[in-house]
C-alpha atoms as a PDB file:
ATOM      1  CA  MET A   1     -70.306 -14.549   0.793  1.00  0.00           C
ATOM      2  CA  LYS A   2     -67.614 -15.030   4.109  1.00  0.00           C
ATOM      3  CA  LYS A   3     -64.806 -16.797   1.279  1.00  0.00           C
ATOM      4  CA  LYS A   4     -65.868 -14.597  -1.918  1.00  0.00           C
ATOM      5  CA  ILE A   5     -64.826 -11.463   0.787  1.00  0.00           C
ATOM      6  CA  TYR A   6     -62.228 -13.399   1.724  1.00  0.00           C
ATOM      7  CA  VAL A   7     -61.093 -13.316  -1.660  1.00  0.00           C
ATOM      8  CA  ILE A   8     -61.409  -9.931  -2.535  1.00  0.00           C
ATOM      9  CA  LEU A   9     -59.341  -8.763   0.754  1.00  0.00           C
ATOM     10  CA  SER A  10     -56.574 -11.285  -0.400  1.00  0.00           C
ATOM     11  CA  VAL A  11     -56.386  -9.706  -4.043  1.00  0.00           C
ATOM     12  CA  LEU A  12     -56.642  -6.218  -2.117  1.00  0.00           C
ATOM     13  CA  LEU A  13     -53.732  -7.062   0.115  1.00  0.00           C
ATOM     14  CA  VAL A  14     -51.510  -8.587  -2.564  1.00  0.00           C
ATOM     15  CA  ILE A  15     -51.735  -4.948  -4.676  1.00  0.00           C
ATOM     16  CA  LEU A  16     -51.195  -2.862  -1.750  1.00  0.00           C
ATOM     17  CA  LEU A  17     -48.120  -4.830  -1.634  1.00  0.00           C
ATOM     18  CA  VAL A  18     -46.908  -4.934  -5.041  1.00  0.00           C
ATOM     19  CA  ILE A  19     -47.772  -0.709  -5.392  1.00  0.00           C
ATOM     20  CA  PHE A  20     -45.894   0.162  -1.388  1.00  0.00           C
ATOM     21  CA  GLY A  21     -42.864  -1.930  -2.684  1.00  0.00           C
ATOM     22  CA  GLY A  22     -42.495  -0.412  -6.028  1.00  0.00           C
ATOM     23  CA  ILE A  23     -42.624   2.748  -4.306  1.00  0.00           C
ATOM     24  CA  TYR A  24     -40.051   1.315  -1.844  1.00  0.00           C
ATOM     25  CA  PHE A  25     -37.740   0.267  -4.670  1.00  0.00           C
ATOM     26  CA  VAL A  26     -38.024   3.198  -6.571  1.00  0.00           C
ATOM     27  CA  ASN A  27     -37.622   5.663  -3.771  1.00  0.00           C
ATOM     28  CA  ASN A  28     -34.009   3.386  -2.775  1.00  0.00           C
ATOM     29  CA  ALA A  29     -32.667   3.750  -6.575  1.00  0.00           C
ATOM     30  CA  LYS A  30     -33.379   7.649  -6.608  1.00  0.00           C
ATOM     31  CA  LYS A  31     -31.469   7.361  -3.429  1.00  0.00           C
ATOM     32  CA  VAL A  32     -28.505   5.257  -5.306  1.00  0.00           C
ATOM     33  CA  THR A  33     -28.922   7.562  -8.502  1.00  0.00           C
ATOM     34  CA  LYS A  34     -29.187  11.054  -5.858  1.00  0.00           C
ATOM     35  CA  ASN A  35     -26.520  10.257  -3.433  1.00  0.00           C
ATOM     36  CA  PRO A  36     -23.572   8.519  -4.402  1.00  0.00           C
ATOM     37  CA  LEU A  37     -20.269   7.727  -2.124  1.00  0.00           C
ATOM     38  CA  VAL A  38     -18.494  10.410  -3.059  1.00  0.00           C
ATOM     39  CA  ILE A  39     -14.497  10.222  -2.247  1.00  0.00           C
ATOM     40  CA  THR A  40     -11.886  12.720  -2.004  1.00  0.00           C
ATOM     41  CA  ASP A  41      -8.699  10.571  -2.420  1.00  0.00           C
ATOM     42  CA  THR A  42      -4.979  11.404  -1.439  1.00  0.00           C
ATOM     43  CA  SER A  43      -4.482  14.318  -4.910  1.00  0.00           C
ATOM     44  CA  LYS A  44      -7.728  16.136  -2.966  1.00  0.00           C
ATOM     45  CA  LYS A  45      -9.320  14.851  -6.223  1.00  0.00           C
ATOM     46  CA  GLU A  46     -13.281  13.849  -5.266  1.00  0.00           C
ATOM     47  CA  VAL A  47     -14.831  11.159  -7.415  1.00  0.00           C
ATOM     48  CA  SER A  48     -18.095   9.467  -6.779  1.00  0.00           C
ATOM     49  CA  PHE A  49     -19.668   6.282  -7.098  1.00  0.00           C
ATOM     50  CA  SER A  50     -23.245   4.448  -7.790  1.00  0.00           C
ATOM     51  CA  LYS A  51     -22.679   1.211  -6.724  1.00  0.00           C
ATOM     52  CA  THR A  52     -19.456  -0.697  -5.469  1.00  0.00           C
ATOM     53  CA  PRO A  53     -16.755  -1.422  -8.170  1.00  0.00           C
ATOM     54  CA  GLU A  54     -16.382  -4.766  -9.635  1.00  0.00           C
ATOM     55  CA  LYS A  55     -13.723  -4.547 -12.254  1.00  0.00           C
ATOM     56  CA  VAL A  56     -10.700  -3.271 -10.719  1.00  0.00           C
ATOM     57  CA  ILE A  57      -7.134  -2.261 -12.097  1.00  0.00           C
ATOM     58  CA  SER A  58      -4.724  -1.630  -9.707  1.00  0.00           C
ATOM     59  CA  LEU A  59      -1.254   0.310 -11.358  1.00  0.00           C
ATOM     60  CA  ILE A  60      -0.055   0.253  -7.625  1.00  0.00           C
ATOM     61  CA  PRO A  61       1.513  -2.851  -5.897  1.00  0.00           C
ATOM     62  CA  ALA A  62       0.594  -1.015  -2.201  1.00  0.00           C
ATOM     63  CA  ALA A  63      -3.626  -1.028  -3.746  1.00  0.00           C
ATOM     64  CA  THR A  64      -3.353  -4.632  -5.098  1.00  0.00           C
ATOM     65  CA  GLU A  65      -1.978  -5.538  -1.632  1.00  0.00           C
ATOM     66  CA  THR A  66      -4.687  -4.128  -0.026  1.00  0.00           C
ATOM     67  CA  LEU A  67      -7.487  -5.435  -1.787  1.00  0.00           C
ATOM     68  CA  TYR A  68      -6.186  -9.231  -1.236  1.00  0.00           C
ATOM     69  CA  ASP A  69      -6.002  -8.137   1.874  1.00  0.00           C
ATOM     70  CA  LEU A  70      -9.329  -7.422   1.621  1.00  0.00           C
ATOM     71  CA  GLY A  71     -10.469 -10.449   0.269  1.00  0.00           C
ATOM     72  CA  LEU A  72     -11.405  -8.666  -3.349  1.00  0.00           C
ATOM     73  CA  GLY A  73      -8.790 -10.556  -5.452  1.00  0.00           C
ATOM     74  CA  GLU A  74     -11.469 -11.925  -7.354  1.00  0.00           C
ATOM     75  CA  LYS A  75     -12.430  -8.482  -8.264  1.00  0.00           C
ATOM     76  CA  VAL A  76      -9.230  -7.591  -9.474  1.00  0.00           C
ATOM     77  CA  ILE A  77      -9.348  -7.860 -13.279  1.00  0.00           C
ATOM     78  CA  ALA A  78      -5.269  -5.954 -13.927  1.00  0.00           C
ATOM     79  CA  VAL A  79      -2.497  -5.019 -12.246  1.00  0.00           C
ATOM     80  CA  ASP A  80       0.807  -2.852 -12.970  1.00  0.00           C
ATOM     81  CA  SER A  81       3.964  -5.302 -13.520  1.00  0.00           C
ATOM     82  CA  TYR A  82       5.374  -4.110  -9.875  1.00  0.00           C
ATOM     83  CA  SER A  83       2.270  -6.154  -7.833  1.00  0.00           C
ATOM     84  CA  ASN A  84       4.043  -9.751  -6.921  1.00  0.00           C
ATOM     85  CA  TYR A  85       1.922  -9.997  -4.156  1.00  0.00           C
ATOM     86  CA  PRO A  86       0.406 -11.717  -2.827  1.00  0.00           C
ATOM     87  CA  GLU A  87       1.890 -15.037  -5.939  1.00  0.00           C
ATOM     88  CA  ASP A  88      -1.928 -14.698  -7.348  1.00  0.00           C
ATOM     89  CA  ALA A  89      -1.760 -11.392  -7.922  1.00  0.00           C
ATOM     90  CA  LYS A  90       1.122 -12.453 -10.888  1.00  0.00           C
ATOM     91  CA  SER A  91      -1.778 -14.482 -12.518  1.00  0.00           C
ATOM     92  CA  LYS A  92      -3.902 -11.108 -13.337  1.00  0.00           C
ATOM     93  CA  LYS A  93      -3.577  -9.650 -16.950  1.00  0.00           C
ATOM     94  CA  GLN A  94       0.239  -6.937 -16.663  1.00  0.00           C
ATOM     95  CA  LEU A  95      -0.267  -3.347 -17.322  1.00  0.00           C
ATOM     96  CA  LYS A  96       2.675  -1.048 -17.825  1.00  0.00           C
ATOM     97  CA  THR A  97       3.003   2.038 -16.114  1.00  0.00           C
ATOM     98  CA  SER A  98       5.156   5.417 -15.990  1.00  0.00           C
ATOM     99  CA  THR A  99       5.843   6.273 -19.603  1.00  0.00           C
ATOM    100  CA  ALA A 100       4.798   3.306 -21.162  1.00  0.00           C
ATOM    101  CA  LEU A 101       1.552   3.286 -19.574  1.00  0.00           C
ATOM    102  CA  ASN A 102      -1.171   2.546 -22.380  1.00  0.00           C
ATOM    103  CA  VAL A 103      -4.758   4.632 -21.532  1.00  0.00           C
ATOM    104  CA  GLU A 104      -6.125   2.783 -24.750  1.00  0.00           C
ATOM    105  CA  GLU A 105      -5.385  -0.407 -23.366  1.00  0.00           C
ATOM    106  CA  ILE A 106      -6.929   0.526 -20.158  1.00  0.00           C
ATOM    107  CA  VAL A 107      -9.928   2.323 -21.140  1.00  0.00           C
ATOM    108  CA  SER A 108     -11.433  -1.064 -23.360  1.00  0.00           C
ATOM    109  CA  LEU A 109     -10.537  -3.401 -20.348  1.00  0.00           C
ATOM    110  CA  ASN A 110     -14.014  -1.170 -19.080  1.00  0.00           C
ATOM    111  CA  SER A 111     -13.264  -1.008 -15.916  1.00  0.00           C
ATOM    112  CA  ASP A 112     -14.747  -0.105 -12.546  1.00  0.00           C
ATOM    113  CA  ILE A 113     -12.505   1.922 -11.217  1.00  0.00           C
ATOM    114  CA  VAL A 114      -8.419   1.888 -11.374  1.00  0.00           C
ATOM    115  CA  PHE A 115      -6.265   2.450  -8.647  1.00  0.00           C
ATOM    116  CA  MET A 116      -3.041   4.512  -9.458  1.00  0.00           C
ATOM    117  CA  SER A 117       0.305   6.742  -7.447  1.00  0.00           C
ATOM    118  CA  LYS A 118       0.472  10.067  -8.415  1.00  0.00           C
ATOM    119  CA  MET A 119       4.117   9.712  -8.485  1.00  0.00           C
ATOM    120  CA  GLY A 120       3.763   7.038 -11.099  1.00  0.00           C
ATOM    121  CA  GLN A 121       1.895   8.587 -14.016  1.00  0.00           C
ATOM    122  CA  THR A 122       1.645  11.845 -15.624  1.00  0.00           C
ATOM    123  CA  ILE A 123      -0.627  14.361 -15.193  1.00  0.00           C
ATOM    124  CA  GLU A 124      -1.751  13.849 -18.889  1.00  0.00           C
ATOM    125  CA  GLN A 125      -2.510  10.148 -18.199  1.00  0.00           C
ATOM    126  CA  TYR A 126      -4.137  10.845 -15.610  1.00  0.00           C
ATOM    127  CA  ASN A 127      -6.662  13.492 -17.580  1.00  0.00           C
ATOM    128  CA  SER A 128      -6.742  10.903 -20.189  1.00  0.00           C
ATOM    129  CA  LEU A 129      -8.144   8.154 -17.940  1.00  0.00           C
ATOM    130  CA  VAL A 130     -10.605  10.609 -16.644  1.00  0.00           C
ATOM    131  CA  ASN A 131     -11.509  12.547 -19.877  1.00  0.00           C
ATOM    132  CA  ALA A 132     -12.034   8.652 -21.184  1.00  0.00           C
ATOM    133  CA  GLY A 133     -14.877   8.530 -18.740  1.00  0.00           C
ATOM    134  CA  VAL A 134     -12.472   5.902 -16.475  1.00  0.00           C
ATOM    135  CA  LYS A 135     -13.089   6.388 -12.655  1.00  0.00           C
ATOM    136  CA  VAL A 136      -9.414   6.795 -11.347  1.00  0.00           C
ATOM    137  CA  VAL A 137      -8.509   6.911  -7.651  1.00  0.00           C
ATOM    138  CA  ILE A 138      -4.900   8.357  -6.653  1.00  0.00           C
ATOM    139  CA  VAL A 139      -3.979   6.353  -3.322  1.00  0.00           C
ATOM    140  CA  ASP A 140      -0.221   8.000  -2.105  1.00  0.00           C
ATOM    141  CA  ALA A 141       1.243   7.421   1.089  1.00  0.00           C
ATOM    142  CA  THR A 142       4.401   8.740   3.247  1.00  0.00           C
ATOM    143  CA  SER A 143       3.784   7.522   6.739  1.00  0.00           C
ATOM    144  CA  ILE A 144       2.638   4.868   8.435  1.00  0.00           C
ATOM    145  CA  ASN A 145      -0.661   7.454   9.474  1.00  0.00           C
ATOM    146  CA  GLU A 146      -1.285   7.518   5.650  1.00  0.00           C
ATOM    147  CA  THR A 147      -1.111   4.130   5.144  1.00  0.00           C
ATOM    148  CA  TYR A 148      -3.938   3.366   7.280  1.00  0.00           C
ATOM    149  CA  ASP A 149      -5.472   6.135   5.663  1.00  0.00           C
ATOM    150  CA  ILE A 150      -5.255   4.671   2.320  1.00  0.00           C
ATOM    151  CA  ILE A 151      -6.598   0.751   3.629  1.00  0.00           C
ATOM    152  CA  ASN A 152      -9.816   2.684   4.750  1.00  0.00           C
ATOM    153  CA  LEU A 153     -10.064   4.823   1.558  1.00  0.00           C
ATOM    154  CA  ILE A 154     -10.021   1.432  -0.047  1.00  0.00           C
ATOM    155  CA  GLY A 155     -12.252  -0.261   1.853  1.00  0.00           C
ATOM    156  CA  LYS A 156     -14.744   2.754   1.829  1.00  0.00           C
ATOM    157  CA  ILE A 157     -14.767   2.343  -2.063  1.00  0.00           C
ATOM    158  CA  MET A 158     -15.023  -0.872  -1.901  1.00  0.00           C
ATOM    159  CA  ASN A 159     -17.982  -1.989   0.819  1.00  0.00           C
ATOM    160  CA  LYS A 160     -15.515  -3.433   2.987  1.00  0.00           C
ATOM    161  CA  GLU A 161     -15.564  -0.207   6.081  1.00  0.00           C
ATOM    162  CA  LYS A 162     -15.330  -3.246   8.918  1.00  0.00           C
ATOM    163  CA  GLU A 163     -12.468  -5.171   7.115  1.00  0.00           C
ATOM    164  CA  ALA A 164     -10.097  -2.243   6.785  1.00  0.00           C
ATOM    165  CA  SER A 165     -10.454  -1.039   9.838  1.00  0.00           C
ATOM    166  CA  LYS A 166      -9.326  -4.110  11.408  1.00  0.00           C
ATOM    167  CA  ILE A 167      -6.185  -4.423   9.234  1.00  0.00           C
ATOM    168  CA  CYS A 168      -5.680  -1.022  10.880  1.00  0.00           C
ATOM    169  CA  ASN A 169      -6.376  -1.844  14.213  1.00  0.00           C
ATOM    170  CA  ASN A 170      -4.123  -4.765  13.907  1.00  0.00           C
ATOM    171  CA  MET A 171      -1.778  -2.999  12.413  1.00  0.00           C
ATOM    172  CA  LYS A 172      -1.969  -0.026  15.008  1.00  0.00           C
ATOM    173  CA  LYS A 173      -1.860  -3.005  18.027  1.00  0.00           C
ATOM    174  CA  ASP A 174       1.538  -4.752  16.637  1.00  0.00           C
ATOM    175  CA  LEU A 175       3.574  -1.792  16.187  1.00  0.00           C
ATOM    176  CA  GLU A 176       2.513  -0.807  20.054  1.00  0.00           C
ATOM    177  CA  ASP A 177       3.594  -3.389  21.102  1.00  0.00           C
ATOM    178  CA  ILE A 178       6.942  -4.168  19.125  1.00  0.00           C
ATOM    179  CA  ARG A 179       7.501  -0.337  20.281  1.00  0.00           C
ATOM    180  CA  LEU A 180       7.194  -1.358  23.748  1.00  0.00           C
ATOM    181  CA  ASN A 181       9.112  -4.261  23.364  1.00  0.00           C
ATOM    182  CA  CYS A 182      11.826  -2.723  22.159  1.00  0.00           C
ATOM    183  CA  ILE A 183      11.851   0.436  24.412  1.00  0.00           C
ATOM    184  CA  ASN A 184      14.105  -0.326  26.884  1.00  0.00           C
ATOM    185  CA  LYS A 185      16.662  -1.973  24.659  1.00  0.00           C
ATOM    186  CA  GLU A 186      20.017  -0.972  24.300  1.00  0.00           C
ATOM    187  CA  LYS A 187      19.860   2.073  20.740  1.00  0.00           C
ATOM    188  CA  LYS A 188      21.970   0.338  17.825  1.00  0.00           C
ATOM    189  CA  SER A 189      22.670   2.790  14.955  1.00  0.00           C
ATOM    190  CA  ILE A 190      21.612   1.909  11.106  1.00  0.00           C
ATOM    191  CA  TYR A 191      22.977   2.729   7.621  1.00  0.00           C
ATOM    192  CA  TYR A 192      19.922   1.573   5.522  1.00  0.00           C
ATOM    193  CA  GLU A 193      21.086   1.033   2.191  1.00  0.00           C
ATOM    194  CA  VAL A 194      18.276   1.482  -0.714  1.00  0.00           C
ATOM    195  CA  SER A 195      20.923   1.609  -3.374  1.00  0.00           C
ATOM    196  CA  PRO A 196      24.339  -0.068  -4.082  1.00  0.00           C
ATOM    197  CA  LEU A 197      27.399   1.816  -3.965  1.00  0.00           C
ATOM    198  CA  GLU A 198      27.834   1.290  -7.924  1.00  0.00           C
ATOM    199  CA  PHE A 199      24.700   3.323  -8.742  1.00  0.00           C
ATOM    200  CA  GLY A 200      25.546   5.833  -6.064  1.00  0.00           C
ATOM    201  CA  LEU A 201      24.217   5.318  -2.365  1.00  0.00           C
ATOM    202  CA  TRP A 202      21.106   6.112  -1.320  1.00  0.00           C
ATOM    203  CA  THR A 203      19.306   5.866   2.076  1.00  0.00           C
ATOM    204  CA  SER A 204      16.078   6.406   3.763  1.00  0.00           C
ATOM    205  CA  GLY A 205      15.697   9.938   5.745  1.00  0.00           C
ATOM    206  CA  ASN A 206      12.732  11.021   7.548  1.00  0.00           C
ATOM    207  CA  ASN A 207       9.738  11.246   5.972  1.00  0.00           C
ATOM    208  CA  THR A 208       9.973   7.569   5.149  1.00  0.00           C
ATOM    209  CA  PHE A 209       8.284   4.697   6.487  1.00  0.00           C
ATOM    210  CA  GLU A 210      11.543   3.170   7.314  1.00  0.00           C
ATOM    211  CA  ASN A 211      12.576   6.102   9.545  1.00  0.00           C
ATOM    212  CA  GLU A 212       9.700   5.837  11.426  1.00  0.00           C
ATOM    213  CA  ILE A 213      10.229   1.752  11.554  1.00  0.00           C
ATOM    214  CA  PHE A 214      13.577   2.841  13.186  1.00  0.00           C
ATOM    215  CA  ASN A 215      12.035   4.899  15.684  1.00  0.00           C
ATOM    216  CA  ILE A 216       9.812   2.150  16.505  1.00  0.00           C
ATOM    217  CA  LEU A 217      12.314  -0.122  17.155  1.00  0.00           C
ATOM    218  CA  ASN A 218      14.184   2.460  18.705  1.00  0.00           C
ATOM    219  CA  ILE A 219      17.243   2.242  16.336  1.00  0.00           C
ATOM    220  CA  ASP A 220      19.025   5.161  15.714  1.00  0.00           C
ATOM    221  CA  ASN A 221      19.397   6.011  11.867  1.00  0.00           C
ATOM    222  CA  ILE A 222      22.742   7.458  10.807  1.00  0.00           C
ATOM    223  CA  PHE A 223      20.506   9.929   8.457  1.00  0.00           C
ATOM    224  CA  LYS A 224      17.752  10.276  10.386  1.00  0.00           C
ATOM    225  CA  ASN A 225      18.436  14.389   9.436  1.00  0.00           C
ATOM    226  CA  VAL A 226      17.946  13.636   5.581  1.00  0.00           C
ATOM    227  CA  LYS A 227      15.292  14.713   4.110  1.00  0.00           C
ATOM    228  CA  GLY A 228      13.250  11.827   2.365  1.00  0.00           C
ATOM    229  CA  TRP A 229      15.130   9.822   0.299  1.00  0.00           C
ATOM    230  CA  ALA A 230      18.256  10.981  -0.400  1.00  0.00           C
ATOM    231  CA  GLN A 231      21.451  10.368  -2.041  1.00  0.00           C
ATOM    232  CA  VAL A 232      24.803   9.886   0.197  1.00  0.00           C
ATOM    233  CA  SER A 233      28.300  10.045   0.255  1.00  0.00           C
ATOM    234  CA  GLU A 234      30.857   6.862   1.329  1.00  0.00           C
ATOM    235  CA  GLU A 235      32.972   9.420   3.329  1.00  0.00           C
ATOM    236  CA  GLN A 236      29.372  10.039   5.532  1.00  0.00           C
ATOM    237  CA  VAL A 237      28.824   6.297   6.283  1.00  0.00           C
ATOM    238  CA  LEU A 238      32.192   5.824   7.290  1.00  0.00           C
ATOM    239  CA  THR A 239      32.209   9.004   9.673  1.00  0.00           C
ATOM    240  CA  LYS A 240      29.132   7.649  11.076  1.00  0.00           C
ATOM    241  CA  ASN A 241      29.796   4.943  11.784  1.00  0.00           C
ATOM    242  CA  PRO A 242      27.044   2.484  11.925  1.00  0.00           C
ATOM    243  CA  ASP A 243      26.700  -0.503  14.046  1.00  0.00           C
ATOM    244  CA  TYR A 244      24.268  -2.221  11.424  1.00  0.00           C
ATOM    245  CA  ILE A 245      23.893  -1.844   7.706  1.00  0.00           C
ATOM    246  CA  VAL A 246      20.823  -3.205   5.913  1.00  0.00           C
ATOM    247  CA  SER A 247      20.525  -3.338   2.493  1.00  0.00           C
ATOM    248  CA  THR A 248      17.057  -3.595   0.266  1.00  0.00           C
ATOM    249  CA  SER A 249      19.379  -4.397  -2.638  1.00  0.00           C
ATOM    250  CA  MET A 250      19.008  -8.320  -4.165  1.00  0.00           C
ATOM    251  CA  ASP A 251      21.806 -10.997  -4.620  1.00  0.00           C
ATOM    252  CA  PHE A 252      22.437 -10.701  -8.466  1.00  0.00           C
ATOM    253  CA  GLY A 253      23.709 -13.827  -9.764  1.00  0.00           C
ATOM    254  CA  GLU A 254      26.995 -14.971  -8.148  1.00  0.00           C
ATOM    255  CA  VAL A 255      27.085 -11.297  -6.613  1.00  0.00           C
ATOM    256  CA  LYS A 256      25.738 -11.356  -3.081  1.00  0.00           C
ATOM    257  CA  VAL A 257      25.085  -8.531  -1.401  1.00  0.00           C
ATOM    258  CA  VAL A 258      26.247  -8.262   1.826  1.00  0.00           C
ATOM    259  CA  ASP A 259      29.573 -10.108   0.569  1.00  0.00           C
ATOM    260  CA  GLU A 260      29.756  -7.215  -1.535  1.00  0.00           C
ATOM    261  CA  ILE A 261      28.752  -4.664   1.084  1.00  0.00           C
ATOM    262  CA  LEU A 262      31.654  -6.352   3.670  1.00  0.00           C
ATOM    263  CA  ASN A 263      34.248  -6.336   1.185  1.00  0.00           C
ATOM    264  CA  ARG A 264      33.805  -2.295   0.202  1.00  0.00           C
ATOM    265  CA  LYS A 265      37.595  -0.778  -0.237  1.00  0.00           C
ATOM    266  CA  ASN A 266      38.400   1.619   3.087  1.00  0.00           C
ATOM    267  CA  TRP A 267      34.680   0.296   4.779  1.00  0.00           C
ATOM    268  CA  ASN A 268      36.572  -2.513   7.034  1.00  0.00           C
ATOM    269  CA  ASN A 269      36.995   0.275   9.907  1.00  0.00           C
ATOM    270  CA  ILE A 270      33.136   0.573  10.154  1.00  0.00           C
ATOM    271  CA  SER A 271      31.882  -0.960  13.107  1.00  0.00           C
ATOM    272  CA  ALA A 272      28.939  -3.414  11.206  1.00  0.00           C
ATOM    273  CA  ILE A 273      31.644  -4.416   8.756  1.00  0.00           C
ATOM    274  CA  LYS A 274      34.134  -5.716  12.093  1.00  0.00           C
ATOM    275  CA  ASN A 275      31.504  -7.104  13.747  1.00  0.00           C
ATOM    276  CA  LYS A 276      29.879  -8.895  10.994  1.00  0.00           C
ATOM    277  CA  LYS A 277      26.190  -7.169  11.604  1.00  0.00           C
ATOM    278  CA  VAL A 278      25.403  -6.582   7.764  1.00  0.00           C
ATOM    279  CA  TYR A 279      22.056  -8.050   6.244  1.00  0.00           C
ATOM    280  CA  SER A 280      19.876  -7.766   3.272  1.00  0.00           C
ATOM    281  CA  ILE A 281      15.859  -7.317   3.524  1.00  0.00           C
ATOM    282  CA  ASN A 282      12.969  -7.203   1.272  1.00  0.00           C
ATOM    283  CA  SER A 283      11.977  -3.819   0.268  1.00  0.00           C
ATOM    284  CA  ASP A 284       8.746  -4.492  -0.317  1.00  0.00           C
ATOM    285  CA  ILE A 285       7.624  -4.930   3.577  1.00  0.00           C
ATOM    286  CA  MET A 286      10.045  -2.035   4.066  1.00  0.00           C
ATOM    287  CA  SER A 287       8.323   1.035   1.951  1.00  0.00           C
ATOM    288  CA  ARG A 288       5.207  -0.410   0.967  1.00  0.00           C
ATOM    289  CA  PRO A 289       1.869   1.377   2.856  1.00  0.00           C
ATOM    290  CA  THR A 290      -0.016  -2.063   3.759  1.00  0.00           C
ATOM    291  CA  LYS A 291      -0.266  -3.792   6.361  1.00  0.00           C
ATOM    292  CA  ARG A 292       3.250  -6.036   5.711  1.00  0.00           C
ATOM    293  CA  LEU A 293       4.989  -2.778   7.434  1.00  0.00           C
ATOM    294  CA  VAL A 294       4.336  -4.642  10.065  1.00  0.00           C
ATOM    295  CA  GLU A 295       6.472  -7.380   8.950  1.00  0.00           C
ATOM    296  CA  GLY A 296       8.882  -5.482   8.085  1.00  0.00           C
ATOM    297  CA  ALA A 297       9.189  -3.957  11.743  1.00  0.00           C
ATOM    298  CA  LYS A 298       9.184  -7.584  12.822  1.00  0.00           C
ATOM    299  CA  GLU A 299      12.083  -8.921  10.310  1.00  0.00           C
ATOM    300  CA  LEU A 300      13.926  -5.772  11.074  1.00  0.00           C
ATOM    301  CA  GLN A 301      13.615  -6.301  15.072  1.00  0.00           C
ATOM    302  CA  LYS A 302      15.130  -9.915  14.625  1.00  0.00           C
ATOM    303  CA  ILE A 303      17.999  -8.264  12.959  1.00  0.00           C
ATOM    304  CA  VAL A 304      19.123  -6.083  15.730  1.00  0.00           C
ATOM    305  CA  TYR A 305      17.638  -7.631  18.870  1.00  0.00           C
ATOM    306  CA  GLY A 306      17.694 -11.350  17.575  1.00  0.00           C
ATOM    307  CA  LYS A 307      13.853 -12.254  18.112  1.00  0.00           C
END
């Protein structure tokens, strides 16, 4: 008799567990449906997610790098043709951007999210993707603080908030260490060239990543009063007479960017030319809103201060 009662009680317990377990999972499923993750991207658009994206398209190199930094490279199914870092990104399907963007191709990939830049695409392209049911998140940044914002935003969307926070905290610490190391250094002036003479001289003024890095390094940007990325004249460079010239141009065949600058007509009286303080640097580590901005700061610190 006792054995029979025991069996009946056991059966009832199993039934109760099934019932309450089912209620628990149903309620949680409802929570996911009723309370999706809602984020606001950098263009102030709200985008909601009922689950963590598994298939990701990145049409902006900074987002591509950050996804890999967060350990999510395997979720990236396609990137823009400028996403060249890390090396594995080059093995992903390459998509054209700007005016050559193919909306139908992107839609056909059935991704869970597309990261893109407001500057890189048109409103019409953005609207076409959204109207086709694609979840598009804009991630633009023009400052180091905004860089932290987009890293944390990507981390939140991809359920990697702790990892994103760690990246940002490490960046802050590294940049502060660099600042303290340079604070008492003798200030030097710099002309930072983002476009060579043959295409018209362009430089980085205030409100740019580069100028923020110059300030951290206690370096005087000769065009710090110029707004954003702007075109300047040879006469302005000659008059301001920088101690250092750093170019983001790449060597092209037998034409070496440093040699080209050193041999420019009428530039021979500039201090940087006379003292052969002319260098080239990878623009990606100075202008992309990723953790590699620290690498750019360290590289420039080495150029100017020797360590």
